[in-house]
Amino acid sequence: MSPSAIAFPEQVTVTALGTWPGIDPVEAAKVSLGLLSSPHLPSLAQLPARGVGSDAVGRTASLLLELPVDVQPYGWRFVDRPGHDHRRAVSALSTDVNVLADIAGAGDIIPPALKVQIIGPISLAAAIHLHYGERALRDYGARRDIAQSLAAGLVLHAQKLQSAVPGAQLVLQIDEPEIAAALAGTIPTASGYRTLRSIPASELRQTWSALATAAREAGFAQVAINLTPTDTAAEYTAPGAEEAKAAEKTAWRKALEIALESGLDAVALPLHLLDTGHWEQLAGALESGLGVWAGTVPTLAGRIPPSYSVLEERIMRPWRGLGLDLPLLKQLRITPDAGLAHLSPQEARTVLNRALELAERLSEIRYA
């Protein structure tokens, strides 16, 4: 399915980016299915507070076919055969899917659509190490194998999800938090003394396009890319950190350009990172039928989000400045500007409720 073929709801909708506070999958499923009922988009929540295997990298690695992993002091590593860490990640994901099925079935609230999220192949290669300790991102063959294995694993994942929520359209969110650093060549080697060579833009475009095609063939109705970044350069203490940050800023703009050319259905990104040039890129994409998941609601622990009227201006000011038609607002999904795992459960609910208020207001504007 091409982006132009997507049927958008007749109002602005909301989804979360995936992570949820706490360790209780039952509560997470109830909140997601309850707060984000149709036409909004509930998701299979991730609970990283449960520890190894429930983190984003371990969760996605559990989907890889014939590429088992374990945990070392420096992070996840590919190994010859599955061990305890790999089995723990597989079990956690299986539990979450089963719990979702139980909650949906017991309440007779099978959603029309359900979103799941994975770490994208480039960021996954940056996070998992080869047997000799270097990041898999360094090796082209490893990057290719990860992308192909992930595509194959999505087939089985989609089958399990379709059994859990029969009839629900599946939406795939591909998180690429390290993409700017990978394109800029600022990700440090295992030793920390050098940085890995930047990946070619042509390879990234092919990788994302192929994964989107594979996901649709596996049964996912829509595929979105989430470009919310990890501020890798901010962690540097060596000279050159400012140059690295500048390089990543330029690379992030390039990543957005590639995402818009890769046959995806939607792009997710935090609004506070956008300048006029980014909005101009998005304007053309919206007019061509792409969905935009707008990371609008701040997720600061201990802070109440701004009112929906303040958040509305973050969207409508550039919208009107670019002369975008109001009916295009229906192509927006409002999201928090990051995951919610670092908040308290009550704070997380507050963030989602503010997003719902904003979506309702923008829907009213659309018909003004």
Protein backbone atom coordinates (compact mmCIF):
# COMPACT_ATOMS: atom_id res chain seq x y z
CA MET A 1 0.00 0.00 0.00
CA SER A 2 1.38 3.40 -0.91
CA PRO A 3 0.98 6.41 1.39
CA SER A 4 -1.53 7.96 -1.02
CA ALA A 5 -3.79 4.93 -0.53
CA ILE A 6 -4.12 5.39 3.25
CA ALA A 7 -7.62 6.23 4.43
CA PHE A 8 -7.29 8.78 7.24
CA PRO A 9 -9.94 9.24 9.96
CA GLU A 10 -12.05 12.34 9.64
CA GLN A 11 -10.43 13.85 12.73
CA VAL A 12 -7.03 14.34 14.32
CA THR A 13 -6.01 11.24 16.28
CA VAL A 14 -3.62 10.29 19.08
CA THR A 15 -1.15 7.52 19.77
CA ALA A 16 1.67 6.94 22.26
CA LEU A 17 5.22 6.12 21.21
CA GLY A 18 5.31 2.83 23.07
CA THR A 19 7.04 2.80 26.45
CA TRP A 20 4.93 2.85 29.62
CA PRO A 21 5.92 3.18 33.31
CA GLY A 22 5.89 0.29 35.74
CA ILE A 23 6.07 -3.47 35.38
CA ASP A 24 2.40 -4.48 35.07
CA PRO A 25 1.40 -5.46 31.50
CA VAL A 26 -2.26 -5.81 32.54
CA GLU A 27 -2.47 -2.20 33.65
CA ALA A 28 -0.56 -1.03 30.56
CA ALA A 29 -2.94 -2.87 28.23
CA LYS A 30 -6.03 -1.54 30.03
CA VAL A 31 -4.78 2.06 29.80
CA SER A 32 -3.81 1.78 26.14
CA LEU A 33 -7.06 0.15 25.02
CA GLY A 34 -9.15 2.36 27.29
CA LEU A 35 -7.69 5.82 26.74
CA LEU A 36 -6.86 5.37 23.06
CA SER A 37 -10.10 3.84 21.84
CA SER A 38 -11.17 4.30 18.22
CA PRO A 39 -10.44 6.42 16.22
CA HIS A 40 -7.23 6.76 18.20
CA LEU A 41 -4.44 4.20 17.97
CA PRO A 42 -3.64 1.98 20.99
CA SER A 43 -0.31 0.21 21.15
CA LEU A 44 1.31 -2.85 22.60
CA ALA A 45 3.08 -1.18 25.51
CA GLN A 46 6.75 -1.72 26.34
CA LEU A 47 7.68 -1.87 30.04
CA PRO A 48 11.45 -1.34 30.21
CA ALA A 49 11.33 -1.14 34.02
CA ARG A 50 11.03 -4.94 34.03
CA GLY A 51 14.71 -5.09 33.12
CA VAL A 52 16.76 -7.15 30.67
CA GLY A 53 14.72 -8.26 27.69
CA SER A 54 12.00 -5.67 28.18
CA ASP A 55 14.26 -2.84 27.02
CA ALA A 56 13.73 -1.64 23.46
CA VAL A 57 16.85 -3.32 22.04
CA GLY A 58 16.27 -6.68 23.71
CA ARG A 59 12.61 -6.67 22.73
CA THR A 60 13.38 -6.12 19.06
CA ALA A 61 16.31 -8.53 19.13
CA SER A 62 13.92 -11.24 20.30
CA LEU A 63 12.21 -10.98 16.90
CA LEU A 64 15.40 -11.69 14.92
CA LEU A 65 15.51 -15.07 13.22
CA GLU A 66 18.73 -17.10 13.60
CA LEU A 67 20.53 -14.19 15.28
CA PRO A 68 20.42 -14.92 19.04
CA VAL A 69 21.74 -12.39 21.55
CA ASP A 70 22.88 -12.13 25.15
CA VAL A 71 23.90 -9.34 27.50
CA GLN A 72 27.48 -8.40 28.32
CA PRO A 73 28.73 -5.57 30.57
CA TYR A 74 28.93 -3.34 27.47
CA GLY A 75 25.44 -4.25 26.20
CA TRP A 76 23.72 -6.70 23.88
CA ARG A 77 25.87 -9.06 21.78
CA PHE A 78 25.25 -11.62 19.05
CA VAL A 79 26.03 -15.19 20.12
CA ASP A 80 25.98 -18.66 18.58
CA ARG A 81 22.92 -20.01 20.40
CA PRO A 82 20.04 -18.60 22.49
CA GLY A 83 20.69 -18.29 26.20
CA HIS A 84 18.90 -16.97 29.27
CA ASP A 85 18.83 -13.32 28.16
CA HIS A 86 17.42 -14.16 24.75
CA ARG A 87 14.75 -16.43 26.24
CA ARG A 88 13.84 -13.74 28.77
CA ALA A 89 13.26 -11.22 25.98
CA VAL A 90 11.15 -13.68 23.98
CA SER A 91 9.10 -14.53 27.07
CA ALA A 92 8.45 -10.88 27.97
CA LEU A 93 7.13 -10.06 24.50
CA SER A 94 4.99 -13.21 24.45
CA THR A 95 3.53 -12.29 27.83
CA ASP A 96 2.62 -8.80 26.63
CA VAL A 97 0.86 -10.14 23.52
CA ASN A 98 -1.06 -12.74 25.55
CA VAL A 99 -2.10 -10.17 28.16
CA LEU A 100 -3.31 -7.81 25.44
CA ALA A 101 -5.39 -10.63 23.96
CA ASP A 102 -6.89 -11.45 27.37
CA ILE A 103 -7.77 -7.83 28.19
CA ALA A 104 -9.24 -7.16 24.75
CA GLY A 105 -11.19 -10.40 24.76
CA ALA A 106 -12.52 -10.05 28.30
CA GLY A 107 -13.78 -6.55 27.63
CA ASP A 108 -14.93 -7.28 24.09
CA ILE A 109 -12.93 -4.26 22.96
CA ILE A 110 -10.92 -5.55 20.02
CA PRO A 111 -9.51 -2.33 18.54
CA PRO A 112 -9.92 -1.53 14.84
CA ALA A 113 -6.16 -0.95 14.72
CA LEU A 114 -3.18 -1.75 16.94
CA LYS A 115 0.35 -0.37 16.84
CA VAL A 116 3.55 -2.16 17.74
CA GLN A 117 7.02 -0.68 17.74
CA ILE A 118 10.48 -2.03 16.99
CA ILE A 119 13.98 -0.60 16.90
CA GLY A 120 14.92 -0.01 13.27
CA PRO A 121 17.74 -1.99 11.67
CA ILE A 122 20.31 0.82 11.72
CA SER A 123 19.81 1.73 15.37
CA LEU A 124 19.69 -1.97 16.23
CA ALA A 125 23.05 -2.48 14.52
CA ALA A 126 24.41 0.45 16.53
CA ALA A 127 23.22 -1.11 19.79
CA ILE A 128 24.21 -4.77 19.36
CA HIS A 129 27.84 -5.90 19.32
CA LEU A 130 29.50 -8.60 17.28
CA HIS A 131 31.28 -11.51 18.95
CA TYR A 132 34.60 -9.63 19.07
CA GLY A 133 33.01 -6.63 20.81
CA GLU A 134 32.59 -4.03 18.07
CA ARG A 135 29.19 -2.65 17.17
CA ALA A 136 27.47 -4.46 14.32
CA LEU A 137 27.00 -1.09 12.63
CA ARG A 138 30.65 -1.22 11.60
CA ASP A 139 30.13 -4.18 9.27
CA TYR A 140 28.03 -3.91 6.10
CA GLY A 141 27.33 -7.64 6.07
CA ALA A 142 26.10 -7.49 9.65
CA ARG A 143 23.83 -4.54 8.86
CA ARG A 144 22.37 -6.43 5.91
CA ASP A 145 21.85 -9.61 7.95
CA ILE A 146 20.10 -7.70 10.75
CA ALA A 147 17.71 -6.01 8.33
CA GLN A 148 16.86 -9.30 6.61
CA SER A 149 16.46 -11.18 9.88
CA LEU A 150 14.21 -8.48 11.30
CA ALA A 151 12.03 -8.54 8.18
CA ALA A 152 11.66 -12.32 8.51
CA GLY A 153 10.88 -12.04 12.22
CA LEU A 154 8.06 -9.58 11.52
CA VAL A 155 6.15 -12.32 9.69
CA LEU A 156 5.87 -14.44 12.84
CA HIS A 157 5.24 -11.36 15.01
CA ALA A 158 2.34 -10.26 12.80
CA GLN A 159 0.80 -13.73 12.92
CA LYS A 160 0.82 -13.73 16.72
CA LEU A 161 -0.67 -10.24 16.86
CA GLN A 162 -3.41 -11.13 14.40
CA SER A 163 -4.33 -14.08 16.61
CA ALA A 164 -4.37 -11.84 19.69
CA VAL A 165 -6.56 -9.10 18.21
CA PRO A 166 -8.44 -10.68 15.27
CA GLY A 167 -9.55 -8.18 12.67
CA ALA A 168 -7.40 -5.31 13.94
CA GLN A 169 -5.29 -3.53 11.34
CA LEU A 170 -1.65 -3.70 12.40
CA VAL A 171 0.49 -0.58 12.37
CA LEU A 172 4.28 -0.82 12.65
CA GLN A 173 6.34 1.95 14.24
CA ILE A 174 10.04 1.70 13.40
CA ASP A 175 12.17 3.64 15.91
CA GLU A 176 15.51 4.93 14.63
CA PRO A 177 16.89 6.98 17.55
CA GLU A 178 20.50 6.62 16.39
CA ILE A 179 19.95 7.47 12.75
CA ALA A 180 21.41 10.99 12.85
CA ALA A 181 24.57 9.75 14.57
CA ALA A 182 24.86 6.81 12.14
CA LEU A 183 24.56 9.12 9.13
CA ALA A 184 26.94 11.68 10.65
CA GLY A 185 29.56 9.12 11.62
CA THR A 186 29.62 10.20 15.28
CA ILE A 187 28.86 6.87 17.00
CA PRO A 188 31.94 5.85 19.01
CA THR A 189 33.67 2.54 18.48
CA ALA A 190 33.74 0.00 21.30
CA SER A 191 37.05 1.43 22.49
CA GLY A 192 35.68 4.96 22.49
CA TYR A 193 38.82 6.34 20.85
CA ARG A 194 37.37 6.64 17.36
CA THR A 195 33.98 6.84 15.66
CA LEU A 196 32.37 4.47 13.22
CA ARG A 197 32.24 5.40 9.56
CA SER A 198 28.97 6.98 8.47
CA ILE A 199 26.52 4.75 6.63
CA PRO A 200 25.71 5.75 3.02
CA ALA A 201 22.41 7.54 2.43
CA SER A 202 21.69 5.19 -0.46
CA GLU A 203 21.98 2.18 1.85
CA LEU A 204 19.63 3.76 4.38
CA ARG A 205 17.03 4.49 1.71
CA GLN A 206 17.19 0.92 0.42
CA THR A 207 17.06 -0.55 3.94
CA TRP A 208 14.00 1.43 4.99
CA SER A 209 12.19 0.84 1.69
CA ALA A 210 12.85 -2.90 1.84
CA LEU A 211 11.72 -3.14 5.47
CA ALA A 212 8.51 -1.23 4.75
CA THR A 213 7.75 -3.58 1.85
CA ALA A 214 8.52 -6.64 3.97
CA ALA A 215 6.32 -5.36 6.82
CA ARG A 216 3.35 -4.89 4.50
CA GLU A 217 3.87 -8.36 3.06
CA ALA A 218 3.95 -9.68 6.64
CA GLY A 219 0.53 -8.19 7.34
CA PHE A 220 1.11 -4.65 8.61
CA ALA A 221 -1.37 -2.23 7.07
CA GLN A 222 0.72 0.87 7.76
CA VAL A 223 4.39 1.54 8.47
CA ALA A 224 5.69 4.64 10.24
CA ILE A 225 9.26 5.70 10.98
CA ASN A 226 9.99 7.44 14.30
CA LEU A 227 12.93 9.83 14.07
CA THR A 228 12.95 10.97 17.70
CA PRO A 229 16.73 11.08 18.26
CA THR A 230 19.16 10.05 20.93
CA ASP A 231 21.48 12.95 21.70
CA THR A 232 24.65 10.92 21.27
CA ALA A 233 26.94 13.91 20.96
CA ALA A 234 25.73 15.30 24.30
CA GLU A 235 27.40 12.34 26.00
CA TYR A 236 30.84 13.10 24.61
CA THR A 237 33.51 14.49 26.89
CA ALA A 238 36.26 14.49 24.28
CA PRO A 239 37.09 17.56 22.17
CA GLY A 240 34.88 17.89 19.13
CA ALA A 241 31.52 17.35 20.81
CA GLU A 242 30.09 20.58 19.40
CA GLU A 243 31.18 19.60 15.91
CA ALA A 244 29.55 16.22 16.40
CA LYS A 245 26.30 17.84 17.48
CA ALA A 246 26.33 20.08 14.41
CA ALA A 247 27.00 17.11 12.15
CA GLU A 248 24.12 15.16 13.71
CA LYS A 249 21.77 18.11 13.23
CA THR A 250 22.55 18.18 9.53
CA ALA A 251 22.30 14.39 9.31
CA TRP A 252 18.88 14.40 11.01
CA ARG A 253 17.55 16.68 8.28
CA LYS A 254 18.94 14.24 5.73
CA ALA A 255 17.29 11.33 7.56
CA LEU A 256 13.94 13.11 7.35
CA GLU A 257 14.46 13.65 3.63
CA ILE A 258 15.24 9.95 3.13
CA ALA A 259 12.25 8.89 5.23
CA LEU A 260 9.96 10.94 3.03
CA GLU A 261 11.37 9.15 -0.03
CA SER A 262 11.23 5.58 1.29
CA GLY A 263 7.61 4.65 0.65
CA LEU A 264 6.54 4.87 4.29
CA ASP A 265 3.03 5.79 5.38
CA ALA A 266 3.93 8.20 8.17
CA VAL A 267 6.83 9.88 9.91
CA ALA A 268 6.98 10.59 13.65
CA LEU A 269 9.14 13.37 15.03
CA PRO A 270 9.21 15.79 17.99
CA LEU A 271 7.98 19.26 17.08
CA HIS A 272 10.48 21.07 19.31
CA LEU A 273 13.27 20.00 16.93
CA LEU A 274 11.61 21.41 13.81
CA ASP A 275 12.63 24.63 12.11
CA THR A 276 11.04 26.30 9.09
CA GLY A 277 12.97 24.08 6.70
CA HIS A 278 11.70 20.92 8.38
CA TRP A 279 8.12 22.19 8.22
CA GLU A 280 8.54 22.91 4.52
CA GLN A 281 9.66 19.30 4.01
CA LEU A 282 6.61 18.08 5.92
CA ALA A 283 4.24 20.37 4.02
CA GLY A 284 5.10 18.72 0.73
CA ALA A 285 4.77 15.29 2.32
CA LEU A 286 1.34 16.10 3.79
CA GLU A 287 0.11 17.36 0.43
CA SER A 288 1.27 14.10 -1.16
CA GLY A 289 -0.72 12.03 1.35
CA LEU A 290 1.81 11.16 4.06
CA GLY A 291 0.78 10.95 7.70
CA VAL A 292 2.66 12.97 10.31
CA TRP A 293 2.88 11.86 13.92
CA ALA A 294 3.52 15.12 15.70
CA GLY A 295 5.41 14.79 18.99
CA THR A 296 3.73 17.74 20.64
CA VAL A 297 3.11 17.07 24.35
CA PRO A 298 6.22 17.40 26.57
CA THR A 299 7.09 14.43 28.78
CA LEU A 300 9.00 16.08 31.62
CA ALA A 301 8.82 14.25 34.95
CA GLY A 302 7.34 16.38 37.71
CA ARG A 303 5.95 18.94 35.24
CA ILE A 304 2.35 19.41 34.13
CA PRO A 305 2.13 19.66 30.33
CA PRO A 306 1.21 23.06 28.85
CA SER A 307 -2.44 23.72 28.12
CA TYR A 308 -3.85 22.44 24.84
CA SER A 309 -4.15 26.04 23.60
CA VAL A 310 -0.38 26.55 24.00
CA LEU A 311 0.31 23.26 22.25
CA GLU A 312 -2.14 24.14 19.50
CA GLU A 313 0.02 27.12 18.55
CA ARG A 314 3.04 24.85 18.05
CA ILE A 315 1.16 23.26 15.19
CA MET A 316 -1.10 25.96 13.82
CA ARG A 317 1.48 28.75 13.62
CA PRO A 318 3.70 26.95 11.07
CA TRP A 319 0.61 25.37 9.49
CA ARG A 320 -0.89 28.74 8.68
CA GLY A 321 2.50 30.22 7.84
CA LEU A 322 2.97 27.62 5.10
CA GLY A 323 -0.58 28.03 3.85
CA LEU A 324 -1.47 24.38 4.44
CA ASP A 325 -5.14 23.53 3.96
CA LEU A 326 -7.08 22.85 7.15
CA PRO A 327 -8.51 19.53 5.87
CA LEU A 328 -4.94 18.16 5.90
CA LEU A 329 -5.02 18.28 9.69
CA LYS A 330 -6.72 14.86 9.65
CA GLN A 331 -3.35 13.40 8.57
CA LEU A 332 -1.92 14.25 11.99
CA ARG A 333 -1.54 11.90 14.91
CA ILE A 334 -0.67 13.74 18.11
CA THR A 335 1.90 11.96 20.28
CA PRO A 336 3.97 12.72 23.35
CA ASP A 337 7.41 14.02 22.38
CA ALA A 338 9.06 10.86 23.79
CA GLY A 339 8.24 7.58 25.48
CA LEU A 340 6.51 7.62 28.86
CA ALA A 341 8.47 5.05 30.87
CA HIS A 342 10.34 7.70 32.89
CA LEU A 343 7.09 9.22 34.21
CA SER A 344 4.80 8.05 36.96
CA PRO A 345 1.64 6.24 35.79
CA GLN A 346 -0.46 9.28 36.68
CA GLU A 347 1.87 11.63 34.81
CA ALA A 348 1.74 9.34 31.78
CA ARG A 349 -2.07 9.42 31.80
CA THR A 350 -1.98 13.21 32.10
CA VAL A 351 0.23 13.45 29.02
CA LEU A 352 -2.10 11.23 26.98
CA ASN A 353 -5.18 13.12 28.16
CA ARG A 354 -3.57 16.40 27.09
CA ALA A 355 -2.85 14.88 23.69
CA LEU A 356 -6.50 13.86 23.39
CA GLU A 357 -7.65 17.37 24.30
CA LEU A 358 -5.35 18.84 21.67
CA ALA A 359 -6.54 16.40 19.01
CA GLU A 360 -10.17 17.32 19.75
CA ARG A 361 -9.39 21.02 19.43
CA LEU A 362 -7.49 20.56 16.15
CA SER A 363 -10.39 18.53 14.79
CA GLU A 364 -12.69 21.47 15.54
CA ILE A 365 -10.31 23.81 13.72
CA ARG A 366 -10.31 21.48 10.73
CA TYR A 367 -14.01 22.07 10.24
CA ALA A 368 -13.84 25.79 10.96
